[in-house]
Amino acid sequence: IPQLTQERRQELVKMTRQMVEDGKVSLRNIRRDF
């Protein structure tokens, strides 16, 4: 597993933030349905 560059680290943080935001959207959809 190669070491990550600073640029790649920023991309990964951005990508994980989007994954979490998608998860929060699913929570809000569950809330709305109930």
PDB file of all heavy atoms in Angstrom:
ATOM      1  N   ILE A   1       0.869  -1.173   0.000  1.00  0.00           N
ATOM      2  CA  ILE A   1       0.000   0.000   0.000  1.00  0.00           C
ATOM      3  C   ILE A   1       0.909   1.227   0.000  1.00  0.00           C
ATOM      4  O   ILE A   1       1.591   1.484   0.993  1.00  0.00           O
ATOM      5  CB  ILE A   1      -0.922   0.032   1.241  1.00  0.00           C
ATOM      6  CG1 ILE A   1      -1.621  -1.314   1.445  1.00  0.00           C
ATOM      7  CG2 ILE A   1      -1.898   1.181   1.154  1.00  0.00           C
ATOM      8  CD1 ILE A   1      -2.544  -1.726   0.339  1.00  0.00           C
ATOM      9  N   PRO A   2       0.934   1.973  -1.103  1.00  0.00           N
ATOM     10  CA  PRO A   2       1.822   3.148  -1.149  1.00  0.00           C
ATOM     11  C   PRO A   2       1.315   4.281  -0.252  1.00  0.00           C
ATOM     12  O   PRO A   2       0.125   4.374   0.046  1.00  0.00           O
ATOM     13  CB  PRO A   2       1.773   3.567  -2.617  1.00  0.00           C
ATOM     14  CG  PRO A   2       0.497   3.016  -3.138  1.00  0.00           C
ATOM     15  CD  PRO A   2       0.186   1.795  -2.329  1.00  0.00           C
ATOM     16  N   GLN A   3       2.245   5.119   0.173  1.00  0.00           N
ATOM     17  CA  GLN A   3       1.875   6.295   0.955  1.00  0.00           C
ATOM     18  C   GLN A   3       1.051   7.239   0.081  1.00  0.00           C
ATOM     19  O   GLN A   3       1.288   7.341  -1.119  1.00  0.00           O
ATOM     20  CB  GLN A   3       3.133   7.013   1.466  1.00  0.00           C
ATOM     21  CG  GLN A   3       3.864   6.235   2.535  1.00  0.00           C
ATOM     22  CD  GLN A   3       3.022   6.041   3.778  1.00  0.00           C
ATOM     23  OE1 GLN A   3       2.368   6.963   4.236  1.00  0.00           O
ATOM     24  NE2 GLN A   3       3.024   4.831   4.313  1.00  0.00           N
ATOM     25  N   LEU A   4       0.120   7.915   0.686  1.00  0.00           N
ATOM     26  CA  LEU A   4      -0.751   8.836  -0.050  1.00  0.00           C
ATOM     27  C   LEU A   4      -0.099  10.209  -0.170  1.00  0.00           C
ATOM     28  O   LEU A   4       0.530  10.680   0.776  1.00  0.00           O
ATOM     29  CB  LEU A   4      -2.088   8.978   0.683  1.00  0.00           C
ATOM     30  CG  LEU A   4      -2.921   7.710   0.843  1.00  0.00           C
ATOM     31  CD1 LEU A   4      -4.112   7.989   1.730  1.00  0.00           C
ATOM     32  CD2 LEU A   4      -3.362   7.191  -0.496  1.00  0.00           C
ATOM     33  N   THR A   5      -0.297  10.848  -1.311  1.00  0.00           N
ATOM     34  CA  THR A   5       0.157  12.226  -1.461  1.00  0.00           C
ATOM     35  C   THR A   5      -0.845  13.134  -0.767  1.00  0.00           C
ATOM     36  O   THR A   5      -1.986  12.735  -0.509  1.00  0.00           O
ATOM     37  CB  THR A   5       0.233  12.618  -2.954  1.00  0.00           C
ATOM     38  OG1 THR A   5      -1.094  12.572  -3.501  1.00  0.00           O
ATOM     39  CG2 THR A   5       1.137  11.689  -3.740  1.00  0.00           C
ATOM     40  N   GLN A   6      -0.433  14.354  -0.499  1.00  0.00           N
ATOM     41  CA  GLN A   6      -1.325  15.305   0.164  1.00  0.00           C
ATOM     42  C   GLN A   6      -2.569  15.569  -0.688  1.00  0.00           C
ATOM     43  O   GLN A   6      -3.682  15.649  -0.174  1.00  0.00           O
ATOM     44  CB  GLN A   6      -0.572  16.614   0.454  1.00  0.00           C
ATOM     45  CG  GLN A   6      -1.308  17.540   1.386  1.00  0.00           C
ATOM     46  CD  GLN A   6      -1.559  16.908   2.753  1.00  0.00           C
ATOM     47  OE1 GLN A   6      -0.765  16.129   3.260  1.00  0.00           O
ATOM     48  NE2 GLN A   6      -2.693  17.221   3.353  1.00  0.00           N
ATOM     49  N   GLU A   7      -2.361  15.657  -1.990  1.00  0.00           N
ATOM     50  CA  GLU A   7      -3.487  15.899  -2.905  1.00  0.00           C
ATOM     51  C   GLU A   7      -4.481  14.728  -2.861  1.00  0.00           C
ATOM     52  O   GLU A   7      -5.692  14.924  -2.818  1.00  0.00           O
ATOM     53  CB  GLU A   7      -2.942  16.073  -4.325  1.00  0.00           C
ATOM     54  CG  GLU A   7      -3.981  16.404  -5.357  1.00  0.00           C
ATOM     55  CD  GLU A   7      -3.347  16.598  -6.726  1.00  0.00           C
ATOM     56  OE1 GLU A   7      -2.515  17.519  -6.866  1.00  0.00           O
ATOM     57  OE2 GLU A   7      -3.690  15.826  -7.632  1.00  0.00           O
ATOM     58  N   ARG A   8      -3.951  13.513  -2.856  1.00  0.00           N
ATOM     59  CA  ARG A   8      -4.812  12.330  -2.818  1.00  0.00           C
ATOM     60  C   ARG A   8      -5.564  12.250  -1.483  1.00  0.00           C
ATOM     61  O   ARG A   8      -6.733  11.866  -1.429  1.00  0.00           O
ATOM     62  CB  ARG A   8      -3.969  11.062  -3.037  1.00  0.00           C
ATOM     63  CG  ARG A   8      -4.783   9.793  -3.016  1.00  0.00           C
ATOM     64  CD  ARG A   8      -5.723   9.696  -4.202  1.00  0.00           C
ATOM     65  NE  ARG A   8      -6.448   8.424  -4.125  1.00  0.00           N
ATOM     66  CZ  ARG A   8      -7.712   8.277  -4.448  1.00  0.00           C
ATOM     67  NH1 ARG A   8      -8.400   9.281  -4.910  1.00  0.00           N
ATOM     68  NH2 ARG A   8      -8.290   7.115  -4.338  1.00  0.00           N
ATOM     69  N   ARG A   9      -4.897  12.645  -0.402  1.00  0.00           N
ATOM     70  CA  ARG A   9      -5.549  12.658   0.906  1.00  0.00           C
ATOM     71  C   ARG A   9      -6.751  13.604   0.889  1.00  0.00           C
ATOM     72  O   ARG A   9      -7.814  13.275   1.405  1.00  0.00           O
ATOM     73  CB  ARG A   9      -4.573  13.104   1.993  1.00  0.00           C
ATOM     74  CG  ARG A   9      -3.519  12.091   2.322  1.00  0.00           C
ATOM     75  CD  ARG A   9      -2.526  12.662   3.337  1.00  0.00           C
ATOM     76  NE  ARG A   9      -1.298  11.916   3.370  1.00  0.00           N
ATOM     77  CZ  ARG A   9      -1.060  10.885   4.150  1.00  0.00           C
ATOM     78  NH1 ARG A   9      -1.983  10.476   4.982  1.00  0.00           N
ATOM     79  NH2 ARG A   9       0.089  10.251   4.115  1.00  0.00           N
ATOM     80  N   GLN A  10      -6.576  14.771   0.270  1.00  0.00           N
ATOM     81  CA  GLN A  10      -7.676  15.737   0.195  1.00  0.00           C
ATOM     82  C   GLN A  10      -8.831  15.174  -0.630  1.00  0.00           C
ATOM     83  O   GLN A  10     -10.000  15.355  -0.282  1.00  0.00           O
ATOM     84  CB  GLN A  10      -7.185  17.056  -0.392  1.00  0.00           C
ATOM     85  CG  GLN A  10      -6.266  17.814   0.550  1.00  0.00           C
ATOM     86  CD  GLN A  10      -5.607  19.010  -0.111  1.00  0.00           C
ATOM     87  OE1 GLN A  10      -5.629  19.167  -1.324  1.00  0.00           O
ATOM     88  NE2 GLN A  10      -4.989  19.865   0.711  1.00  0.00           N
ATOM     89  N   GLU A  11      -8.502  14.479  -1.729  1.00  0.00           N
ATOM     90  CA  GLU A  11      -9.540  13.860  -2.552  1.00  0.00           C
ATOM     91  C   GLU A  11     -10.306  12.803  -1.747  1.00  0.00           C
ATOM     92  O   GLU A  11     -11.530  12.714  -1.841  1.00  0.00           O
ATOM     93  CB  GLU A  11      -8.916  13.175  -3.776  1.00  0.00           C
ATOM     94  CG  GLU A  11      -8.416  14.111  -4.832  1.00  0.00           C
ATOM     95  CD  GLU A  11      -7.680  13.357  -5.942  1.00  0.00           C
ATOM     96  OE1 GLU A  11      -7.916  12.138  -6.123  1.00  0.00           O
ATOM     97  OE2 GLU A  11      -6.864  13.980  -6.627  1.00  0.00           O
ATOM     98  N   LEU A  12      -9.562  12.008  -0.966  1.00  0.00           N
ATOM     99  CA  LEU A  12     -10.205  10.963  -0.170  1.00  0.00           C
ATOM    100  C   LEU A  12     -11.108  11.554   0.905  1.00  0.00           C
ATOM    101  O   LEU A  12     -12.191  11.031   1.171  1.00  0.00           O
ATOM    102  CB  LEU A  12      -9.150  10.050   0.464  1.00  0.00           C
ATOM    103  CG  LEU A  12      -8.428   9.103  -0.493  1.00  0.00           C
ATOM    104  CD1 LEU A  12      -7.296   8.388   0.228  1.00  0.00           C
ATOM    105  CD2 LEU A  12      -9.385   8.110  -1.112  1.00  0.00           C
ATOM    106  N   VAL A  13     -10.665  12.639   1.532  1.00  0.00           N
ATOM    107  CA  VAL A  13     -11.501  13.295   2.547  1.00  0.00           C
ATOM    108  C   VAL A  13     -12.784  13.803   1.896  1.00  0.00           C
ATOM    109  O   VAL A  13     -13.885  13.628   2.431  1.00  0.00           O
ATOM    110  CB  VAL A  13     -10.739  14.441   3.252  1.00  0.00           C
ATOM    111  CG1 VAL A  13     -11.680  15.294   4.081  1.00  0.00           C
ATOM    112  CG2 VAL A  13      -9.625  13.878   4.125  1.00  0.00           C
ATOM    113  N   LYS A  14     -12.638  14.404   0.724  1.00  0.00           N
ATOM    114  CA  LYS A  14     -13.806  14.926   0.000  1.00  0.00           C
ATOM    115  C   LYS A  14     -14.764  13.776  -0.365  1.00  0.00           C
ATOM    116  O   LYS A  14     -15.988  13.895  -0.203  1.00  0.00           O
ATOM    117  CB  LYS A  14     -13.318  15.636  -1.263  1.00  0.00           C
ATOM    118  CG  LYS A  14     -14.346  16.428  -1.992  1.00  0.00           C
ATOM    119  CD  LYS A  14     -13.685  17.162  -3.153  1.00  0.00           C
ATOM    120  CE  LYS A  14     -14.639  18.046  -3.881  1.00  0.00           C
ATOM    121  NZ  LYS A  14     -13.997  18.737  -5.009  1.00  0.00           N
ATOM    122  N   MET A  15     -14.197  12.668  -0.818  1.00  0.00           N
ATOM    123  CA  MET A  15     -14.999  11.514  -1.207  1.00  0.00           C
ATOM    124  C   MET A  15     -15.725  10.923   0.011  1.00  0.00           C
ATOM    125  O   MET A  15     -16.920  10.613  -0.068  1.00  0.00           O
ATOM    126  CB  MET A  15     -14.096  10.453  -1.842  1.00  0.00           C
ATOM    127  CG  MET A  15     -14.823   9.244  -2.359  1.00  0.00           C
ATOM    128  SD  MET A  15     -13.709   8.093  -3.177  1.00  0.00           S
ATOM    129  CE  MET A  15     -12.903   7.344  -1.767  1.00  0.00           C
ATOM    130  N   THR A  16     -15.017  10.796   1.133  1.00  0.00           N
ATOM    131  CA  THR A  16     -15.658  10.243   2.330  1.00  0.00           C
ATOM    132  C   THR A  16     -16.729  11.187   2.865  1.00  0.00           C
ATOM    133  O   THR A  16     -17.766  10.731   3.342  1.00  0.00           O
ATOM    134  CB  THR A  16     -14.630   9.920   3.442  1.00  0.00           C
ATOM    135  OG1 THR A  16     -13.875  11.076   3.741  1.00  0.00           O
ATOM    136  CG2 THR A  16     -13.700   8.796   3.029  1.00  0.00           C
ATOM    137  N   ARG A  17     -16.481  12.490   2.758  1.00  0.00           N
ATOM    138  CA  ARG A  17     -17.500  13.470   3.191  1.00  0.00           C
ATOM    139  C   ARG A  17     -18.778  13.276   2.371  1.00  0.00           C
ATOM    140  O   ARG A  17     -19.884  13.324   2.907  1.00  0.00           O
ATOM    141  CB  ARG A  17     -16.959  14.891   3.038  1.00  0.00           C
ATOM    142  CG  ARG A  17     -17.933  15.950   3.542  1.00  0.00           C
ATOM    143  CD  ARG A  17     -17.356  17.351   3.470  1.00  0.00           C
ATOM    144  NE  ARG A  17     -16.344  17.527   4.503  1.00  0.00           N
ATOM    145  CZ  ARG A  17     -15.072  17.869   4.277  1.00  0.00           C
ATOM    146  NH1 ARG A  17     -14.665  18.087   3.052  1.00  0.00           N
ATOM    147  NH2 ARG A  17     -14.227  18.002   5.270  1.00  0.00           N
ATOM    148  N   GLN A  18     -18.624  13.025   1.063  1.00  0.00           N
ATOM    149  CA  GLN A  18     -19.785  12.812   0.195  1.00  0.00           C
ATOM    150  C   GLN A  18     -20.516  11.518   0.567  1.00  0.00           C
ATOM    151  O   GLN A  18     -21.747  11.471   0.576  1.00  0.00           O
ATOM    152  CB  GLN A  18     -19.364  12.778  -1.278  1.00  0.00           C
ATOM    153  CG  GLN A  18     -20.532  12.667  -2.240  1.00  0.00           C
ATOM    154  CD  GLN A  18     -21.534  13.801  -2.090  1.00  0.00           C
ATOM    155  OE1 GLN A  18     -21.171  14.968  -2.086  1.00  0.00           O
ATOM    156  NE2 GLN A  18     -22.805  13.462  -1.957  1.00  0.00           N
ATOM    157  N   MET A  19     -19.752  10.473   0.903  1.00  0.00           N
ATOM    158  CA  MET A  19     -20.374   9.206   1.320  1.00  0.00           C
ATOM    159  C   MET A  19     -21.220   9.419   2.578  1.00  0.00           C
ATOM    160  O   MET A  19     -22.333   8.894   2.688  1.00  0.00           O
ATOM    161  CB  MET A  19     -19.298   8.155   1.608  1.00  0.00           C
ATOM    162  CG  MET A  19     -18.582   7.637   0.409  1.00  0.00           C
ATOM    163  SD  MET A  19     -17.269   6.524   0.976  1.00  0.00           S
ATOM    164  CE  MET A  19     -16.555   6.042  -0.571  1.00  0.00           C
ATOM    165  N   VAL A  20     -20.674  10.175   3.519  1.00  0.00           N
ATOM    166  CA  VAL A  20     -21.407  10.453   4.762  1.00  0.00           C
ATOM    167  C   VAL A  20     -22.637  11.306   4.465  1.00  0.00           C
ATOM    168  O   VAL A  20     -23.716  11.065   5.011  1.00  0.00           O
ATOM    169  CB  VAL A  20     -20.485  11.127   5.805  1.00  0.00           C
ATOM    170  CG1 VAL A  20     -21.275  11.625   6.995  1.00  0.00           C
ATOM    171  CG2 VAL A  20     -19.405  10.150   6.260  1.00  0.00           C
ATOM    172  N   GLU A  21     -22.496  12.279   3.587  1.00  0.00           N
ATOM    173  CA  GLU A  21     -23.645  13.124   3.238  1.00  0.00           C
ATOM    174  C   GLU A  21     -24.744  12.291   2.580  1.00  0.00           C
ATOM    175  O   GLU A  21     -25.929  12.481   2.861  1.00  0.00           O
ATOM    176  CB  GLU A  21     -23.208  14.266   2.315  1.00  0.00           C
ATOM    177  CG  GLU A  21     -24.276  15.307   2.107  1.00  0.00           C
ATOM    178  CD  GLU A  21     -24.869  15.875   3.400  1.00  0.00           C
ATOM    179  OE1 GLU A  21     -24.113  16.195   4.342  1.00  0.00           O
ATOM    180  OE2 GLU A  21     -26.114  15.993   3.469  1.00  0.00           O
ATOM    181  N   ASP A  22     -24.356  11.338   1.733  1.00  0.00           N
ATOM    182  CA  ASP A  22     -25.346  10.435   1.127  1.00  0.00           C
ATOM    183  C   ASP A  22     -26.051   9.612   2.206  1.00  0.00           C
ATOM    184  O   ASP A  22     -27.260   9.368   2.127  1.00  0.00           O
ATOM    185  CB  ASP A  22     -24.676   9.502   0.110  1.00  0.00           C
ATOM    186  CG  ASP A  22     -24.178  10.239  -1.133  1.00  0.00           C
ATOM    187  OD1 ASP A  22     -24.570  11.409  -1.347  1.00  0.00           O
ATOM    188  OD2 ASP A  22     -23.377   9.641  -1.876  1.00  0.00           O
ATOM    189  N   GLY A  23     -25.292   9.185   3.214  1.00  0.00           N
ATOM    190  CA  GLY A  23     -25.879   8.452   4.336  1.00  0.00           C
ATOM    191  C   GLY A  23     -26.874   9.305   5.096  1.00  0.00           C
ATOM    192  O   GLY A  23     -27.935   8.830   5.521  1.00  0.00           O
ATOM    193  N   LYS A  24     -26.534  10.587   5.281  1.00  0.00           N
ATOM    194  CA  LYS A  24     -27.440  11.497   5.987  1.00  0.00           C
ATOM    195  C   LYS A  24     -28.713  11.734   5.180  1.00  0.00           C
ATOM    196  O   LYS A  24     -29.796  11.877   5.751  1.00  0.00           O
ATOM    197  CB  LYS A  24     -26.739  12.821   6.283  1.00  0.00           C
ATOM    198  CG  LYS A  24     -25.711  12.712   7.389  1.00  0.00           C
ATOM    199  CD  LYS A  24     -25.088  14.061   7.656  1.00  0.00           C
ATOM    200  CE  LYS A  24     -24.125  14.025   8.808  1.00  0.00           C
ATOM    201  NZ  LYS A  24     -23.587  15.356   9.118  1.00  0.00           N
ATOM    202  N   VAL A  25     -28.589  11.748   3.865  1.00  0.00           N
ATOM    203  CA  VAL A  25     -29.774  11.891   3.015  1.00  0.00           C
ATOM    204  C   VAL A  25     -30.694  10.690   3.237  1.00  0.00           C
ATOM    205  O   VAL A  25     -31.910  10.842   3.360  1.00  0.00           O
ATOM    206  CB  VAL A  25     -29.385  12.025   1.524  1.00  0.00           C
ATOM    207  CG1 VAL A  25     -30.588  11.847   0.617  1.00  0.00           C
ATOM    208  CG2 VAL A  25     -28.722  13.374   1.277  1.00  0.00           C
ATOM    209  N   SER A  26     -30.114   9.503   3.348  1.00  0.00           N
ATOM    210  CA  SER A  26     -30.957   8.329   3.589  1.00  0.00           C
ATOM    211  C   SER A  26     -31.630   8.416   4.960  1.00  0.00           C
ATOM    212  O   SER A  26     -32.782   8.021   5.112  1.00  0.00           O
ATOM    213  CB  SER A  26     -30.160   7.030   3.439  1.00  0.00           C
ATOM    214  OG  SER A  26     -29.239   6.865   4.468  1.00  0.00           O
ATOM    215  N   LEU A  27     -30.914   8.966   5.964  1.00  0.00           N
ATOM    216  CA  LEU A  27     -31.537   9.172   7.280  1.00  0.00           C
ATOM    217  C   LEU A  27     -32.719  10.130   7.173  1.00  0.00           C
ATOM    218  O   LEU A  27     -33.785   9.888   7.752  1.00  0.00           O
ATOM    219  CB  LEU A  27     -30.535   9.754   8.282  1.00  0.00           C
ATOM    220  CG  LEU A  27     -29.454   8.846   8.830  1.00  0.00           C
ATOM    221  CD1 LEU A  27     -28.551   9.631   9.786  1.00  0.00           C
ATOM    222  CD2 LEU A  27     -30.040   7.640   9.526  1.00  0.00           C
ATOM    223  N   ARG A  28     -32.531  11.208   6.430  1.00  0.00           N
ATOM    224  CA  ARG A  28     -33.622  12.180   6.280  1.00  0.00           C
ATOM    225  C   ARG A  28     -34.816  11.577   5.535  1.00  0.00           C
ATOM    226  O   ARG A  28     -35.969  11.881   5.845  1.00  0.00           O
ATOM    227  CB  ARG A  28     -33.109  13.442   5.590  1.00  0.00           C
ATOM    228  CG  ARG A  28     -32.164  14.256   6.476  1.00  0.00           C
ATOM    229  CD  ARG A  28     -31.856  15.619   5.905  1.00  0.00           C
ATOM    230  NE  ARG A  28     -31.054  15.592   4.708  1.00  0.00           N
ATOM    231  CZ  ARG A  28     -29.718  15.657   4.681  1.00  0.00           C
ATOM    232  NH1 ARG A  28     -29.033  15.729   5.799  1.00  0.00           N
ATOM    233  NH2 ARG A  28     -29.075  15.652   3.540  1.00  0.00           N
ATOM    234  N   ASN A  29     -34.522  10.698   4.573  1.00  0.00           N
ATOM    235  CA  ASN A  29     -35.618  10.027   3.860  1.00  0.00           C
ATOM    236  C   ASN A  29     -36.391   9.106   4.794  1.00  0.00           C
ATOM    237  O   ASN A  29     -37.626   9.042   4.741  1.00  0.00           O
ATOM    238  CB  ASN A  29     -35.081   9.230   2.666  1.00  0.00           C
ATOM    239  CG  ASN A  29     -34.625  10.127   1.536  1.00  0.00           C
ATOM    240  OD1 ASN A  29     -35.046  11.270   1.432  1.00  0.00           O
ATOM    241  ND2 ASN A  29     -33.743   9.607   0.706  1.00  0.00           N
ATOM    242  N   ILE A  30     -35.675   8.399   5.660  1.00  0.00           N
ATOM    243  CA  ILE A  30     -36.327   7.537   6.647  1.00  0.00           C
ATOM    244  C   ILE A  30     -37.192   8.393   7.570  1.00  0.00           C
ATOM    245  O   ILE A  30     -38.342   8.061   7.856  1.00  0.00           O
ATOM    246  CB  ILE A  30     -35.282   6.728   7.453  1.00  0.00           C
ATOM    247  CG1 ILE A  30     -34.571   5.728   6.543  1.00  0.00           C
ATOM    248  CG2 ILE A  30     -35.931   6.024   8.634  1.00  0.00           C
ATOM    249  CD1 ILE A  30     -33.316   5.108   7.153  1.00  0.00           C
ATOM    250  N   ARG A  31     -36.616   9.520   8.025  1.00  0.00           N
ATOM    251  CA  ARG A  31     -37.365  10.428   8.909  1.00  0.00           C
ATOM    252  C   ARG A  31     -38.647  10.898   8.214  1.00  0.00           C
ATOM    253  O   ARG A  31     -39.729  10.846   8.791  1.00  0.00           O
ATOM    254  CB  ARG A  31     -36.499  11.640   9.274  1.00  0.00           C
ATOM    255  CG  ARG A  31     -37.260  12.672  10.120  1.00  0.00           C
ATOM    256  CD  ARG A  31     -36.496  13.948  10.305  1.00  0.00           C
ATOM    257  NE  ARG A  31     -36.315  14.599   9.012  1.00  0.00           N
ATOM    258  CZ  ARG A  31     -35.454  15.570   8.787  1.00  0.00           C
ATOM    259  NH1 ARG A  31     -34.674  16.018   9.737  1.00  0.00           N
ATOM    260  NH2 ARG A  31     -35.345  16.109   7.594  1.00  0.00           N
ATOM    261  N   ARG A  32     -38.525  11.342   6.980  1.00  0.00           N
ATOM    262  CA  ARG A  32     -39.689  11.837   6.237  1.00  0.00           C
ATOM    263  C   ARG A  32     -40.773  10.766   6.118  1.00  0.00           C
ATOM    264  O   ARG A  32     -41.952  11.024   6.353  1.00  0.00           O
ATOM    265  CB  ARG A  32     -39.254  12.297   4.836  1.00  0.00           C
ATOM    266  CG  ARG A  32     -40.398  12.920   4.042  1.00  0.00           C
ATOM    267  CD  ARG A  32     -40.115  13.045   2.558  1.00  0.00           C
ATOM    268  NE  ARG A  32     -39.939  11.717   1.987  1.00  0.00           N
ATOM    269  CZ  ARG A  32     -38.868  11.314   1.295  1.00  0.00           C
ATOM    270  NH1 ARG A  32     -37.873  12.125   1.068  1.00  0.00           N
ATOM    271  NH2 ARG A  32     -38.793  10.089   0.824  1.00  0.00           N
ATOM    272  N   ASP A  33     -40.351   9.540   5.776  1.00  0.00           N
ATOM    273  CA  ASP A  33     -41.323   8.448   5.617  1.00  0.00           C
ATOM    274  C   ASP A  33     -42.085   8.178   6.917  1.00  0.00           C
ATOM    275  O   ASP A  33     -43.307   8.006   6.911  1.00  0.00           O
ATOM    276  CB  ASP A  33     -40.623   7.165   5.158  1.00  0.00           C
ATOM    277  CG  ASP A  33     -40.068   7.273   3.745  1.00  0.00           C
ATOM    278  OD1 ASP A  33     -40.455   8.218   3.010  1.00  0.00           O
ATOM    279  OD2 ASP A  33     -39.227   6.430   3.374  1.00  0.00           O
ATOM    280  N   PHE A  34     -41.363   8.176   8.031  1.00  0.00           N
ATOM    281  CA  PHE A  34     -42.024   7.870   9.308  1.00  0.00           C
ATOM    282  C   PHE A  34     -42.871   9.035   9.803  1.00  0.00           C
ATOM    283  O   PHE A  34     -43.924   8.819  10.392  1.00  0.00           O
ATOM    284  CB  PHE A  34     -41.002   7.417  10.349  1.00  0.00           C
ATOM    285  CG  PHE A  34     -40.635   5.974  10.180  1.00  0.00           C
ATOM    286  CD1 PHE A  34     -39.524   5.605   9.438  1.00  0.00           C
ATOM    287  CD2 PHE A  34     -41.425   4.980  10.715  1.00  0.00           C
ATOM    288  CE1 PHE A  34     -39.190   4.281   9.250  1.00  0.00           C
ATOM    289  CE2 PHE A  34     -41.105   3.643  10.548  1.00  0.00           C
ATOM    290  CZ  PHE A  34     -39.982   3.284   9.800  1.00  0.00           C
TER     291      PHE A  34
END
